[in-house]
Amino acid sequence: MANIVAVTGVNTSKLPKLKNTELIELLKKVKQGDEFARDEFIIANLRLVLSVVQRFCSNKGKADDMFQVGCVGLIKAMENFNMDLNVKFSTYAVPMIIGEIRRFLRDNTPVRVTRSLRDIAYKALQSREKLTLLNNTDPTLNEIAEDMNEDVKNVSFALDAISDTVSLSDAVYTSKGENIRIMDQIADTKNDVESIIEKFALKDALQNLSDREKEIIMLRYYIGKTQMEVSKEIGMSQAQVSRLEKNALENIRKKIT
């Protein structure tokens, strides 16, 4: 995230850097209805949005969405900022940007998490960021919990709760166009050979497989080994095992359908 220079089509490495006095003059024009100044002011503060997005480093896959939502928070801050108050615009805008991003993440997570648990998680992220900058090293979970004056179990549970969910179909390794999925790494400990045969009608279908394919199917679905374990046992790469398994299953499907 720290090296991102292009977010939603915006090259953040080329964004302007304006002094506070220049921002104030622009904001005065914005308040007077100057549309050109409005666009210029938003662009000049996009770095502020990016800095907030970087705090949510555990959601890299949503960086573009968070950036857009953060821009909404920036615009709201611009429209509601009171220039009569002796407060820097960034001081006022950052909490609004954070609020918009938090609402977005809360409303778009596939797993519902309570507000209190999510608050603990975000405080933990802020504590981790602070301790990292202070000590120039990643803090342990115990150090974060101590800094927050919170039970380490609550911190751990809260951080796990906001972690992105993954699909069993997600690839964990790709080589020469062959994907190894999460489900390929999981051993089948439930099914015995009889239930597998009954479920997939393998008695006839297995006869059409090569000896190597039969061996892989039996090791995977009868004994319940992972692809990695099978590859070590028969002396083939995991990618080769994955390809032969897929071919065998496809032939079985064709036979029984």
C-alpha atoms as a PDB file:
ATOM      1  CA  MET A   1       0.000   0.000   0.000  1.00  0.00           C
ATOM      2  CA  ALA A   2       2.797   2.438   0.855  1.00  0.00           C
ATOM      3  CA  ASN A   3       4.101   2.217  -2.708  1.00  0.00           C
ATOM      4  CA  ILE A   4       0.768   2.753  -4.441  1.00  0.00           C
ATOM      5  CA  VAL A   5       0.966   5.599  -6.946  1.00  0.00           C
ATOM      6  CA  ALA A   6      -2.182   4.901  -8.946  1.00  0.00           C
ATOM      7  CA  VAL A   7      -5.564   4.714  -7.264  1.00  0.00           C
ATOM      8  CA  THR A   8      -8.803   4.785  -9.274  1.00  0.00           C
ATOM      9  CA  GLY A   9      -6.937   6.313 -12.193  1.00  0.00           C
ATOM     10  CA  VAL A  10      -5.233   9.025 -10.123  1.00  0.00           C
ATOM     11  CA  ASN A  11      -1.441   9.102 -10.197  1.00  0.00           C
ATOM     12  CA  THR A  12      -0.813  10.027  -6.577  1.00  0.00           C
ATOM     13  CA  SER A  13       2.885  10.608  -7.186  1.00  0.00           C
ATOM     14  CA  LYS A  14       2.010  13.690  -9.241  1.00  0.00           C
ATOM     15  CA  LEU A  15      -0.511  15.256  -6.884  1.00  0.00           C
ATOM     16  CA  PRO A  16       0.234  18.897  -5.979  1.00  0.00           C
ATOM     17  CA  LYS A  17       1.641  19.838  -2.582  1.00  0.00           C
ATOM     18  CA  LEU A  18       0.208  23.148  -1.392  1.00  0.00           C
ATOM     19  CA  LYS A  19       1.115  25.173   1.672  1.00  0.00           C
ATOM     20  CA  ASN A  20      -1.514  25.740   4.337  1.00  0.00           C
ATOM     21  CA  THR A  21      -1.888  29.394   3.302  1.00  0.00           C
ATOM     22  CA  GLU A  22      -2.545  28.321  -0.301  1.00  0.00           C
ATOM     23  CA  LEU A  23      -5.162  25.812   0.862  1.00  0.00           C
ATOM     24  CA  ILE A  24      -6.898  28.521   2.907  1.00  0.00           C
ATOM     25  CA  GLU A  25      -7.070  30.839  -0.102  1.00  0.00           C
ATOM     26  CA  LEU A  26      -8.486  28.032  -2.229  1.00  0.00           C
ATOM     27  CA  LEU A  27     -11.053  27.186   0.424  1.00  0.00           C
ATOM     28  CA  LYS A  28     -12.190  30.802   0.558  1.00  0.00           C
ATOM     29  CA  LYS A  29     -12.888  30.641  -3.176  1.00  0.00           C
ATOM     30  CA  VAL A  30     -14.705  27.343  -2.700  1.00  0.00           C
ATOM     31  CA  LYS A  31     -16.989  28.941  -0.102  1.00  0.00           C
ATOM     32  CA  GLN A  32     -17.727  31.676  -2.646  1.00  0.00           C
ATOM     33  CA  GLY A  33     -18.919  29.088  -5.180  1.00  0.00           C
ATOM     34  CA  ASP A  34     -15.819  28.868  -7.390  1.00  0.00           C
ATOM     35  CA  GLU A  35     -16.156  25.429  -9.060  1.00  0.00           C
ATOM     36  CA  PHE A  36     -12.611  25.512 -10.445  1.00  0.00           C
ATOM     37  CA  ALA A  37     -11.225  26.180  -6.969  1.00  0.00           C
ATOM     38  CA  ARG A  38     -13.404  23.367  -5.626  1.00  0.00           C
ATOM     39  CA  ASP A  39     -11.858  20.821  -8.004  1.00  0.00           C
ATOM     40  CA  GLU A  40      -8.366  22.156  -7.328  1.00  0.00           C
ATOM     41  CA  PHE A  41      -8.892  21.963  -3.565  1.00  0.00           C
ATOM     42  CA  ILE A  42     -10.102  18.345  -3.750  1.00  0.00           C
ATOM     43  CA  ILE A  43      -7.151  17.302  -5.898  1.00  0.00           C
ATOM     44  CA  ALA A  44      -4.739  19.067  -3.539  1.00  0.00           C
ATOM     45  CA  ASN A  45      -6.087  17.007  -0.618  1.00  0.00           C
ATOM     46  CA  LEU A  46      -6.161  13.590  -2.245  1.00  0.00           C
ATOM     47  CA  ARG A  47      -2.879  12.773  -0.507  1.00  0.00           C
ATOM     48  CA  LEU A  48      -4.788  13.202   2.745  1.00  0.00           C
ATOM     49  CA  VAL A  49      -7.281  10.550   1.643  1.00  0.00           C
ATOM     50  CA  LEU A  50      -4.483   8.186   0.612  1.00  0.00           C
ATOM     51  CA  SER A  51      -2.768   8.571   3.991  1.00  0.00           C
ATOM     52  CA  VAL A  52      -5.999   7.448   5.688  1.00  0.00           C
ATOM     53  CA  VAL A  53      -6.465   4.514   3.296  1.00  0.00           C
ATOM     54  CA  GLN A  54      -2.952   3.336   4.166  1.00  0.00           C
ATOM     55  CA  ARG A  55      -4.012   2.911   7.800  1.00  0.00           C
ATOM     56  CA  PHE A  56      -6.382   0.144   6.730  1.00  0.00           C
ATOM     57  CA  CYS A  57      -3.523  -1.945   5.363  1.00  0.00           C
ATOM     58  CA  SER A  58      -5.301  -5.263   6.071  1.00  0.00           C
ATOM     59  CA  ASN A  59      -7.828  -4.489   3.297  1.00  0.00           C
ATOM     60  CA  LYS A  60      -5.480  -4.070   0.318  1.00  0.00           C
ATOM     61  CA  GLY A  61      -7.964  -5.616  -2.061  1.00  0.00           C
ATOM     62  CA  LYS A  62     -10.412  -2.784  -1.324  1.00  0.00           C
ATOM     63  CA  ALA A  63      -7.915   0.079  -1.727  1.00  0.00           C
ATOM     64  CA  ASP A  64      -9.647   1.621  -4.747  1.00  0.00           C
ATOM     65  CA  ASP A  65     -13.082   1.414  -3.126  1.00  0.00           C
ATOM     66  CA  MET A  66     -11.793   2.882   0.129  1.00  0.00           C
ATOM     67  CA  PHE A  67     -10.097   5.704  -1.773  1.00  0.00           C
ATOM     68  CA  GLN A  68     -13.358   6.647  -3.477  1.00  0.00           C
ATOM     69  CA  VAL A  69     -15.286   6.476  -0.215  1.00  0.00           C
ATOM     70  CA  GLY A  70     -12.568   8.539   1.450  1.00  0.00           C
ATOM     71  CA  CYS A  71     -13.015  11.196  -1.236  1.00  0.00           C
ATOM     72  CA  VAL A  72     -16.681  11.408  -0.229  1.00  0.00           C
ATOM     73  CA  GLY A  73     -15.537  12.090   3.329  1.00  0.00           C
ATOM     74  CA  LEU A  74     -13.117  14.725   2.021  1.00  0.00           C
ATOM     75  CA  ILE A  75     -15.892  16.515   0.113  1.00  0.00           C
ATOM     76  CA  LYS A  76     -18.174  16.440   3.153  1.00  0.00           C
ATOM     77  CA  ALA A  77     -15.378  17.909   5.261  1.00  0.00           C
ATOM     78  CA  MET A  78     -14.776  20.627   2.665  1.00  0.00           C
ATOM     79  CA  GLU A  79     -18.446  21.569   2.557  1.00  0.00           C
ATOM     80  CA  ASN A  80     -18.898  21.641   6.337  1.00  0.00           C
ATOM     81  CA  PHE A  81     -15.571  23.129   7.444  1.00  0.00           C
ATOM     82  CA  ASN A  82     -15.910  26.330   9.446  1.00  0.00           C
ATOM     83  CA  MET A  83     -13.090  28.666   8.516  1.00  0.00           C
ATOM     84  CA  ASP A  84     -13.762  30.838  11.555  1.00  0.00           C
ATOM     85  CA  LEU A  85     -12.441  28.121  13.833  1.00  0.00           C
ATOM     86  CA  ASN A  86      -8.710  28.094  14.495  1.00  0.00           C
ATOM     87  CA  VAL A  87      -8.324  24.512  13.243  1.00  0.00           C
ATOM     88  CA  LYS A  88      -6.319  23.142  10.327  1.00  0.00           C
ATOM     89  CA  PHE A  89      -8.452  21.620   7.612  1.00  0.00           C
ATOM     90  CA  SER A  90      -6.589  18.290   7.808  1.00  0.00           C
ATOM     91  CA  THR A  91      -7.363  18.051  11.551  1.00  0.00           C
ATOM     92  CA  TYR A  92     -11.062  18.380  10.760  1.00  0.00           C
ATOM     93  CA  ALA A  93     -11.073  16.260   7.591  1.00  0.00           C
ATOM     94  CA  VAL A  94      -9.199  13.143   8.728  1.00  0.00           C
ATOM     95  CA  PRO A  95     -11.861  11.944  11.236  1.00  0.00           C
ATOM     96  CA  MET A  96     -14.572  12.425   8.605  1.00  0.00           C
ATOM     97  CA  ILE A  97     -12.602  10.465   6.018  1.00  0.00           C
ATOM     98  CA  ILE A  98     -11.926   7.700   8.531  1.00  0.00           C
ATOM     99  CA  GLY A  99     -15.618   7.617   9.450  1.00  0.00           C
ATOM    100  CA  GLU A 100     -16.702   7.176   5.837  1.00  0.00           C
ATOM    101  CA  ILE A 101     -14.209   4.356   5.276  1.00  0.00           C
ATOM    102  CA  ARG A 102     -15.192   2.587   8.483  1.00  0.00           C
ATOM    103  CA  ARG A 103     -18.873   2.720   7.534  1.00  0.00           C
ATOM    104  CA  PHE A 104     -18.042   1.351   4.109  1.00  0.00           C
ATOM    105  CA  LEU A 105     -16.068  -1.558   5.560  1.00  0.00           C
ATOM    106  CA  ARG A 106     -18.732  -2.255   8.180  1.00  0.00           C
ATOM    107  CA  ASP A 107     -21.558  -2.292   5.633  1.00  0.00           C
ATOM    108  CA  ASN A 108     -19.699  -4.317   3.003  1.00  0.00           C
ATOM    109  CA  THR A 109     -18.108  -7.078   5.024  1.00  0.00           C
ATOM    110  CA  PRO A 110     -19.474 -10.608   4.364  1.00  0.00           C
ATOM    111  CA  VAL A 111     -19.355 -11.316   8.104  1.00  0.00           C
ATOM    112  CA  ARG A 112     -21.303  -9.075  10.468  1.00  0.00           C
ATOM    113  CA  VAL A 113     -19.178  -7.786  13.337  1.00  0.00           C
ATOM    114  CA  THR A 114     -20.487  -5.866  16.343  1.00  0.00           C
ATOM    115  CA  ARG A 115     -19.597  -2.196  16.619  1.00  0.00           C
ATOM    116  CA  SER A 116     -17.788  -2.694  19.956  1.00  0.00           C
ATOM    117  CA  LEU A 117     -15.622  -5.455  18.488  1.00  0.00           C
ATOM    118  CA  ARG A 118     -14.872  -3.396  15.391  1.00  0.00           C
ATOM    119  CA  ASP A 119     -13.911  -0.403  17.556  1.00  0.00           C
ATOM    120  CA  ILE A 120     -11.397  -2.553  19.429  1.00  0.00           C
ATOM    121  CA  ALA A 121      -9.983  -3.752  16.105  1.00  0.00           C
ATOM    122  CA  TYR A 122      -9.518  -0.252  14.696  1.00  0.00           C
ATOM    123  CA  LYS A 123      -7.945   0.965  17.934  1.00  0.00           C
ATOM    124  CA  ALA A 124      -5.591  -2.001  17.687  1.00  0.00           C
ATOM    125  CA  LEU A 125      -4.652  -1.020  14.114  1.00  0.00           C
ATOM    126  CA  GLN A 126      -3.945   2.528  15.256  1.00  0.00           C
ATOM    127  CA  SER A 127      -1.892   1.232  18.194  1.00  0.00           C
ATOM    128  CA  ARG A 128       0.086  -1.042  15.877  1.00  0.00           C
ATOM    129  CA  GLU A 129       0.826   1.887  13.566  1.00  0.00           C
ATOM    130  CA  LYS A 130       1.928   4.068  16.485  1.00  0.00           C
ATOM    131  CA  LEU A 131       4.177   1.404  18.021  1.00  0.00           C
ATOM    132  CA  THR A 132       5.705   0.571  14.640  1.00  0.00           C
ATOM    133  CA  LEU A 133       6.681   4.203  14.086  1.00  0.00           C
ATOM    134  CA  LEU A 134       7.926   4.532  17.661  1.00  0.00           C
ATOM    135  CA  ASN A 135      10.052   1.380  17.776  1.00  0.00           C
ATOM    136  CA  ASN A 136      10.772   0.928  14.057  1.00  0.00           C
ATOM    137  CA  THR A 137       9.595  -2.687  14.271  1.00  0.00           C
ATOM    138  CA  ASP A 138       6.303  -4.570  14.175  1.00  0.00           C
ATOM    139  CA  PRO A 139       4.818  -4.856  17.684  1.00  0.00           C
ATOM    140  CA  THR A 140       3.624  -8.139  19.139  1.00  0.00           C
ATOM    141  CA  LEU A 141      -0.021  -8.755  19.975  1.00  0.00           C
ATOM    142  CA  ASN A 142       0.821  -8.499  23.677  1.00  0.00           C
ATOM    143  CA  GLU A 143       2.482  -5.114  23.151  1.00  0.00           C
ATOM    144  CA  ILE A 144      -0.569  -3.812  21.280  1.00  0.00           C
ATOM    145  CA  ALA A 145      -2.920  -5.058  23.988  1.00  0.00           C
ATOM    146  CA  GLU A 146      -0.751  -3.484  26.707  1.00  0.00           C
ATOM    147  CA  ASP A 147      -0.690  -0.171  24.856  1.00  0.00           C
ATOM    148  CA  MET A 148      -4.492  -0.260  24.574  1.00  0.00           C
ATOM    149  CA  ASN A 149      -4.942  -1.461  28.164  1.00  0.00           C
ATOM    150  CA  GLU A 150      -7.083  -4.238  26.706  1.00  0.00           C
ATOM    151  CA  ASP A 151      -7.131  -7.994  27.234  1.00  0.00           C
ATOM    152  CA  VAL A 152      -4.941  -9.667  24.614  1.00  0.00           C
ATOM    153  CA  LYS A 153      -7.667 -12.237  23.847  1.00  0.00           C
ATOM    154  CA  ASN A 154     -10.132  -9.446  23.024  1.00  0.00           C
ATOM    155  CA  VAL A 155      -7.603  -7.771  20.740  1.00  0.00           C
ATOM    156  CA  SER A 156      -6.813 -11.019  18.947  1.00  0.00           C
ATOM    157  CA  PHE A 157     -10.491 -11.867  18.506  1.00  0.00           C
ATOM    158  CA  ALA A 158     -11.290  -8.354  17.234  1.00  0.00           C
ATOM    159  CA  LEU A 159      -8.489  -8.370  14.656  1.00  0.00           C
ATOM    160  CA  ASP A 160      -9.534 -11.817  13.442  1.00  0.00           C
ATOM    161  CA  ALA A 161     -13.117 -10.571  13.123  1.00  0.00           C
ATOM    162  CA  ILE A 162     -12.220  -7.821  10.634  1.00  0.00           C
ATOM    163  CA  SER A 163      -9.836  -9.964   8.606  1.00  0.00           C
ATOM    164  CA  ASP A 164     -10.912 -10.493   5.006  1.00  0.00           C
ATOM    165  CA  THR A 165     -12.645 -13.786   4.325  1.00  0.00           C
ATOM    166  CA  VAL A 166     -11.266 -16.058   1.626  1.00  0.00           C
ATOM    167  CA  SER A 167     -12.844 -18.541  -0.737  1.00  0.00           C
ATOM    168  CA  LEU A 168     -11.810 -22.178  -0.880  1.00  0.00           C
ATOM    169  CA  SER A 169     -11.505 -21.611  -4.632  1.00  0.00           C
ATOM    170  CA  ASP A 170      -8.863 -18.880  -4.210  1.00  0.00           C
ATOM    171  CA  ALA A 171      -5.507 -19.784  -5.742  1.00  0.00           C
ATOM    172  CA  VAL A 172      -2.551 -19.977  -3.351  1.00  0.00           C
ATOM    173  CA  TYR A 173      -0.014 -20.848  -6.054  1.00  0.00           C
ATOM    174  CA  THR A 174       0.079 -20.496  -9.832  1.00  0.00           C
ATOM    175  CA  SER A 175       2.600 -22.049 -12.188  1.00  0.00           C
ATOM    176  CA  LYS A 176       2.409 -22.217 -15.974  1.00  0.00           C
ATOM    177  CA  GLY A 177      -1.306 -21.537 -15.967  1.00  0.00           C
ATOM    178  CA  GLU A 178      -2.053 -24.202 -13.334  1.00  0.00           C
ATOM    179  CA  ASN A 179      -3.696 -22.978 -10.118  1.00  0.00           C
ATOM    180  CA  ILE A 180      -3.443 -24.699  -6.744  1.00  0.00           C
ATOM    181  CA  ARG A 181      -6.478 -23.692  -4.665  1.00  0.00           C
ATOM    182  CA  ILE A 182      -7.018 -23.571  -0.930  1.00  0.00           C
ATOM    183  CA  MET A 183      -9.378 -26.543  -1.184  1.00  0.00           C
ATOM    184  CA  ASP A 184      -6.550 -28.548  -2.776  1.00  0.00           C
ATOM    185  CA  GLN A 185      -4.554 -28.152   0.448  1.00  0.00           C
ATOM    186  CA  ILE A 186      -7.288 -29.602   2.659  1.00  0.00           C
ATOM    187  CA  ALA A 187      -7.371 -33.278   3.431  1.00  0.00           C
ATOM    188  CA  ASP A 188     -10.706 -35.104   3.209  1.00  0.00           C
ATOM    189  CA  THR A 189     -11.083 -36.890   6.566  1.00  0.00           C
ATOM    190  CA  LYS A 190     -14.828 -37.561   6.349  1.00  0.00           C
ATOM    191  CA  ASN A 191     -15.371 -39.748   3.328  1.00  0.00           C
ATOM    192  CA  ASP A 192     -14.379 -43.392   3.081  1.00  0.00           C
ATOM    193  CA  VAL A 193     -14.101 -45.263  -0.207  1.00  0.00           C
ATOM    194  CA  GLU A 194     -17.670 -46.602  -0.123  1.00  0.00           C
ATOM    195  CA  SER A 195     -19.267 -43.178   0.287  1.00  0.00           C
ATOM    196  CA  ILE A 196     -17.073 -41.753  -2.450  1.00  0.00           C
ATOM    197  CA  ILE A 197     -18.019 -44.569  -4.815  1.00  0.00           C
ATOM    198  CA  GLU A 198     -21.707 -44.162  -4.016  1.00  0.00           C
ATOM    199  CA  LYS A 199     -21.589 -40.392  -4.397  1.00  0.00           C
ATOM    200  CA  PHE A 200     -19.711 -40.223  -7.678  1.00  0.00           C
ATOM    201  CA  ALA A 201     -20.519 -43.632  -9.137  1.00  0.00           C
ATOM    202  CA  LEU A 202     -16.826 -44.395  -9.373  1.00  0.00           C
ATOM    203  CA  LYS A 203     -16.984 -48.142  -9.872  1.00  0.00           C
ATOM    204  CA  ASP A 204     -17.424 -47.794 -13.617  1.00  0.00           C
ATOM    205  CA  ALA A 205     -15.845 -44.398 -14.077  1.00  0.00           C
ATOM    206  CA  LEU A 206     -12.540 -45.393 -12.464  1.00  0.00           C
ATOM    207  CA  GLN A 207     -12.007 -48.080 -15.075  1.00  0.00           C
ATOM    208  CA  ASN A 208     -11.480 -45.399 -17.701  1.00  0.00           C
ATOM    209  CA  LEU A 209      -8.685 -43.665 -15.769  1.00  0.00           C
ATOM    210  CA  SER A 210      -4.981 -44.267 -16.141  1.00  0.00           C
ATOM    211  CA  ASP A 211      -3.147 -46.075 -13.347  1.00  0.00           C
ATOM    212  CA  ARG A 212      -1.606 -42.806 -12.164  1.00  0.00           C
ATOM    213  CA  GLU A 213      -4.973 -41.028 -12.137  1.00  0.00           C
ATOM    214  CA  LYS A 214      -6.526 -43.913 -10.166  1.00  0.00           C
ATOM    215  CA  GLU A 215      -3.693 -43.713  -7.657  1.00  0.00           C
ATOM    216  CA  ILE A 216      -4.154 -39.965  -7.173  1.00  0.00           C
ATOM    217  CA  ILE A 217      -7.932 -40.237  -6.813  1.00  0.00           C
ATOM    218  CA  MET A 218      -7.600 -43.012  -4.230  1.00  0.00           C
ATOM    219  CA  LEU A 219      -4.952 -41.166  -2.230  1.00  0.00           C
ATOM    220  CA  ARG A 220      -6.931 -37.918  -2.326  1.00  0.00           C
ATOM    221  CA  TYR A 221     -10.494 -39.150  -1.781  1.00  0.00           C
ATOM    222  CA  TYR A 222     -10.088 -42.562  -0.169  1.00  0.00           C
ATOM    223  CA  ILE A 223      -7.189 -41.944   2.220  1.00  0.00           C
ATOM    224  CA  GLY A 224      -7.790 -38.190   2.462  1.00  0.00           C
ATOM    225  CA  LYS A 225      -4.303 -36.896   1.705  1.00  0.00           C
ATOM    226  CA  THR A 226      -3.595 -33.336   0.551  1.00  0.00           C
ATOM    227  CA  GLN A 227      -2.163 -32.686  -2.887  1.00  0.00           C
ATOM    228  CA  MET A 228       1.173 -31.830  -1.283  1.00  0.00           C
ATOM    229  CA  GLU A 229       1.244 -35.190   0.525  1.00  0.00           C
ATOM    230  CA  VAL A 230       0.273 -37.022  -2.664  1.00  0.00           C
ATOM    231  CA  SER A 231       2.975 -35.257  -4.669  1.00  0.00           C
ATOM    232  CA  LYS A 232       5.644 -36.316  -2.158  1.00  0.00           C
ATOM    233  CA  GLU A 233       4.382 -39.908  -2.066  1.00  0.00           C
ATOM    234  CA  ILE A 234       4.304 -40.474  -5.826  1.00  0.00           C
ATOM    235  CA  GLY A 235       7.278 -38.257  -6.712  1.00  0.00           C
ATOM    236  CA  MET A 236       5.495 -35.635  -8.817  1.00  0.00           C
ATOM    237  CA  SER A 237       5.137 -31.878  -8.472  1.00  0.00           C
ATOM    238  CA  GLN A 238       1.974 -30.601  -6.837  1.00  0.00           C
ATOM    239  CA  ALA A 239       1.044 -28.785 -10.046  1.00  0.00           C
ATOM    240  CA  GLN A 240       1.226 -32.089 -11.957  1.00  0.00           C
ATOM    241  CA  VAL A 241      -0.862 -33.836  -9.302  1.00  0.00           C
ATOM    242  CA  SER A 242      -3.415 -31.033  -9.487  1.00  0.00           C
ATOM    243  CA  ARG A 243      -3.633 -31.302 -13.283  1.00  0.00           C
ATOM    244  CA  LEU A 244      -4.024 -35.099 -13.266  1.00  0.00           C
ATOM    245  CA  GLU A 245      -6.636 -34.912 -10.520  1.00  0.00           C
ATOM    246  CA  LYS A 246      -8.653 -32.350 -12.473  1.00  0.00           C
ATOM    247  CA  ASN A 247      -8.449 -34.470 -15.631  1.00  0.00           C
ATOM    248  CA  ALA A 248      -9.533 -37.557 -13.723  1.00  0.00           C
ATOM    249  CA  LEU A 249     -12.500 -35.814 -12.109  1.00  0.00           C
ATOM    250  CA  GLU A 250     -13.546 -34.392 -15.467  1.00  0.00           C
ATOM    251  CA  ASN A 251     -13.474 -37.874 -17.018  1.00  0.00           C
ATOM    252  CA  ILE A 252     -15.523 -39.207 -14.090  1.00  0.00           C
ATOM    253  CA  ARG A 253     -18.122 -36.461 -14.557  1.00  0.00           C
ATOM    254  CA  LYS A 254     -18.400 -37.236 -18.252  1.00  0.00           C
ATOM    255  CA  LYS A 255     -18.870 -40.906 -17.462  1.00  0.00           C
ATOM    256  CA  ILE A 256     -21.601 -40.509 -14.859  1.00  0.00           C
ATOM    257  CA  THR A 257     -23.586 -37.682 -16.520  1.00  0.00           C
END
